[in-house]
Amino acid sequence: MTARRKLSRWDFGSIGFSLGFMFAIVLNILTTIFNISSQLIFVILNVLISLNIAFFIFSKKRRGEKIL
């Protein structure tokens, strides 16, 4: 196991989660401005989180690593 591979896996996870948090903050600001119903935002966030997890598992399977 090389250090480079470990770092890239950690980078992928941190980038995905930071993008998710940034999108959540942007959605929060948009809701305060436009007063969108909060139910819609929870649906969008759920879809984004599940897509993020699915993409993470898919990328690990492509490289032939164990998922957990």
N, C-alpha and C. Protein backbone atom coordinates (compact mmCIF):
# COMPACT_ATOMS: atom_id res chain seq x y z
N MET A 1 0.85 -1.19 0.00
CA MET A 1 0.00 0.00 0.00
C MET A 1 0.89 1.25 0.00
N THR A 2 0.86 1.97 -1.07
CA THR A 2 1.70 3.17 -1.13
C THR A 2 0.99 4.36 -0.49
N ALA A 3 1.78 5.33 -0.07
CA ALA A 3 1.21 6.51 0.59
C ALA A 3 0.38 7.33 -0.40
N ARG A 4 0.78 7.29 -1.67
CA ARG A 4 0.07 8.08 -2.67
C ARG A 4 -1.38 7.60 -2.83
N ARG A 5 -1.56 6.27 -2.85
CA ARG A 5 -2.90 5.71 -3.01
C ARG A 5 -3.78 6.05 -1.80
N LYS A 6 -3.20 5.97 -0.60
CA LYS A 6 -3.93 6.30 0.61
C LYS A 6 -4.39 7.76 0.56
N LEU A 7 -3.46 8.64 0.14
CA LEU A 7 -3.76 10.07 0.10
C LEU A 7 -4.87 10.36 -0.90
N SER A 8 -4.84 9.70 -2.07
CA SER A 8 -5.85 9.99 -3.08
C SER A 8 -7.23 9.55 -2.59
N ARG A 9 -7.29 8.41 -1.88
CA ARG A 9 -8.58 7.97 -1.36
C ARG A 9 -9.11 8.97 -0.33
N TRP A 10 -8.22 9.44 0.55
CA TRP A 10 -8.62 10.41 1.56
C TRP A 10 -9.06 11.72 0.90
N ASP A 11 -8.32 12.15 -0.13
CA ASP A 11 -8.67 13.38 -0.85
C ASP A 11 -10.05 13.26 -1.47
N PHE A 12 -10.34 12.10 -2.08
CA PHE A 12 -11.64 11.93 -2.74
C PHE A 12 -12.77 12.08 -1.73
N GLY A 13 -12.64 11.44 -0.57
CA GLY A 13 -13.68 11.53 0.44
C GLY A 13 -13.85 12.95 0.96
N SER A 14 -12.73 13.62 1.23
CA SER A 14 -12.82 14.97 1.80
C SER A 14 -13.38 15.95 0.78
N ILE A 15 -13.00 15.81 -0.49
CA ILE A 15 -13.52 16.70 -1.52
C ILE A 15 -15.02 16.50 -1.67
N GLY A 16 -15.46 15.24 -1.69
CA GLY A 16 -16.89 14.97 -1.82
C GLY A 16 -17.69 15.57 -0.68
N PHE A 17 -17.21 15.38 0.55
CA PHE A 17 -17.98 15.88 1.69
C PHE A 17 -17.93 17.39 1.77
N SER A 18 -16.79 18.01 1.43
CA SER A 18 -16.72 19.48 1.47
C SER A 18 -17.63 20.08 0.42
N LEU A 19 -17.71 19.45 -0.76
CA LEU A 19 -18.65 19.92 -1.79
C LEU A 19 -20.08 19.81 -1.29
N GLY A 20 -20.38 18.71 -0.61
CA GLY A 20 -21.73 18.54 -0.06
C GLY A 20 -22.07 19.61 0.95
N PHE A 21 -21.12 19.91 1.85
CA PHE A 21 -21.37 20.95 2.86
C PHE A 21 -21.52 22.31 2.20
N MET A 22 -20.69 22.61 1.19
CA MET A 22 -20.80 23.90 0.51
C MET A 22 -22.17 24.03 -0.16
N PHE A 23 -22.63 22.93 -0.80
CA PHE A 23 -23.93 22.96 -1.45
C PHE A 23 -25.04 23.15 -0.43
N ALA A 24 -24.89 22.52 0.75
CA ALA A 24 -25.90 22.69 1.80
C ALA A 24 -25.96 24.14 2.27
N ILE A 25 -24.80 24.78 2.40
CA ILE A 25 -24.77 26.19 2.82
C ILE A 25 -25.43 27.07 1.76
N VAL A 26 -25.11 26.81 0.48
CA VAL A 26 -25.71 27.59 -0.60
C VAL A 26 -27.23 27.42 -0.60
N LEU A 27 -27.70 26.17 -0.42
CA LEU A 27 -29.14 25.93 -0.37
C LEU A 27 -29.78 26.66 0.80
N ASN A 28 -29.09 26.68 1.93
CA ASN A 28 -29.61 27.38 3.11
C ASN A 28 -29.78 28.87 2.82
N ILE A 29 -28.78 29.48 2.18
CA ILE A 29 -28.86 30.90 1.82
C ILE A 29 -30.00 31.13 0.84
N LEU A 30 -30.12 30.24 -0.16
CA LEU A 30 -31.19 30.39 -1.15
C LEU A 30 -32.56 30.29 -0.51
N THR A 31 -32.71 29.41 0.48
CA THR A 31 -34.02 29.27 1.12
C THR A 31 -34.38 30.52 1.89
N THR A 32 -33.39 31.14 2.55
CA THR A 32 -33.70 32.36 3.29
C THR A 32 -34.07 33.49 2.34
N ILE A 33 -33.46 33.52 1.15
CA ILE A 33 -33.76 34.60 0.20
C ILE A 33 -35.11 34.35 -0.47
N PHE A 34 -35.28 33.16 -1.04
CA PHE A 34 -36.47 32.89 -1.85
C PHE A 34 -37.59 32.19 -1.10
N ASN A 35 -37.32 31.79 0.16
CA ASN A 35 -38.34 31.16 1.00
C ASN A 35 -38.91 29.90 0.35
N ILE A 36 -38.01 29.04 -0.12
CA ILE A 36 -38.44 27.76 -0.70
C ILE A 36 -38.81 26.83 0.46
N SER A 37 -39.73 25.92 0.20
CA SER A 37 -40.13 25.00 1.26
C SER A 37 -38.96 24.10 1.65
N SER A 38 -38.81 23.86 2.95
CA SER A 38 -37.65 23.11 3.44
C SER A 38 -37.73 21.63 3.06
N GLN A 39 -38.94 21.13 2.80
CA GLN A 39 -39.09 19.72 2.43
C GLN A 39 -38.32 19.40 1.15
N LEU A 40 -38.41 20.30 0.18
CA LEU A 40 -37.73 20.10 -1.09
C LEU A 40 -36.22 20.02 -0.89
N ILE A 41 -35.70 20.86 0.02
CA ILE A 41 -34.25 20.88 0.26
C ILE A 41 -33.79 19.56 0.87
N PHE A 42 -34.59 19.00 1.79
CA PHE A 42 -34.20 17.73 2.39
C PHE A 42 -34.17 16.62 1.34
N VAL A 43 -35.11 16.66 0.40
CA VAL A 43 -35.12 15.66 -0.67
C VAL A 43 -33.86 15.79 -1.52
N ILE A 44 -33.52 17.04 -1.89
CA ILE A 44 -32.34 17.26 -2.72
C ILE A 44 -31.07 16.81 -2.00
N LEU A 45 -30.97 17.15 -0.70
CA LEU A 45 -29.78 16.77 0.07
C LEU A 45 -29.68 15.25 0.19
N ASN A 46 -30.81 14.57 0.41
CA ASN A 46 -30.79 13.11 0.49
C ASN A 46 -30.29 12.50 -0.81
N VAL A 47 -30.78 13.01 -1.94
CA VAL A 47 -30.34 12.49 -3.24
C VAL A 47 -28.84 12.71 -3.42
N LEU A 48 -28.37 13.91 -3.06
CA LEU A 48 -26.94 14.22 -3.22
C LEU A 48 -26.08 13.31 -2.36
N ILE A 49 -26.48 13.10 -1.11
CA ILE A 49 -25.69 12.26 -0.21
C ILE A 49 -25.64 10.82 -0.72
N SER A 50 -26.79 10.30 -1.18
CA SER A 50 -26.81 8.92 -1.67
C SER A 50 -25.98 8.79 -2.95
N LEU A 51 -26.03 9.80 -3.82
CA LEU A 51 -25.20 9.77 -5.03
C LEU A 51 -23.72 9.80 -4.67
N ASN A 52 -23.37 10.60 -3.67
CA ASN A 52 -21.98 10.69 -3.23
C ASN A 52 -21.48 9.34 -2.72
N ILE A 53 -22.30 8.67 -1.89
CA ILE A 53 -21.91 7.36 -1.35
C ILE A 53 -21.81 6.33 -2.47
N ALA A 54 -22.78 6.35 -3.39
CA ALA A 54 -22.77 5.38 -4.49
C ALA A 54 -21.53 5.58 -5.37
N PHE A 55 -21.18 6.83 -5.64
CA PHE A 55 -20.01 7.11 -6.47
C PHE A 55 -18.73 6.67 -5.77
N PHE A 56 -18.69 6.87 -4.43
CA PHE A 56 -17.51 6.46 -3.65
C PHE A 56 -17.33 4.95 -3.72
N ILE A 57 -18.42 4.18 -3.53
CA ILE A 57 -18.34 2.72 -3.58
C ILE A 57 -17.96 2.27 -4.99
N PHE A 58 -18.54 2.92 -6.01
CA PHE A 58 -18.26 2.54 -7.39
C PHE A 58 -16.79 2.76 -7.72
N SER A 59 -16.22 3.88 -7.27
CA SER A 59 -14.82 4.17 -7.58
C SER A 59 -13.91 3.16 -6.88
N LYS A 60 -14.27 2.73 -5.66
CA LYS A 60 -13.44 1.74 -4.97
C LYS A 60 -13.56 0.38 -5.65
N LYS A 61 -14.75 0.04 -6.14
CA LYS A 61 -14.91 -1.25 -6.82
C LYS A 61 -14.12 -1.27 -8.12
N ARG A 62 -14.06 -0.16 -8.82
CA ARG A 62 -13.32 -0.12 -10.07
C ARG A 62 -11.84 -0.35 -9.84
N ARG A 63 -11.33 0.14 -8.70
CA ARG A 63 -9.91 -0.06 -8.40
C ARG A 63 -9.66 -1.41 -7.76
N GLY A 64 -10.73 -2.17 -7.48
CA GLY A 64 -10.56 -3.49 -6.91
C GLY A 64 -10.23 -3.50 -5.43
N GLU A 65 -10.66 -2.46 -4.70
CA GLU A 65 -10.40 -2.42 -3.27
C GLU A 65 -11.61 -2.92 -2.51
N LYS A 66 -11.41 -3.23 -1.23
CA LYS A 66 -12.54 -3.61 -0.39
C LYS A 66 -13.34 -2.37 -0.04
N ILE A 67 -14.67 -2.52 0.05
CA ILE A 67 -15.53 -1.35 0.24
C ILE A 67 -15.37 -0.78 1.65
N LEU A 68 -15.32 -1.65 2.66
CA LEU A 68 -15.19 -1.14 4.03
C LEU A 68 -13.87 -1.60 4.63
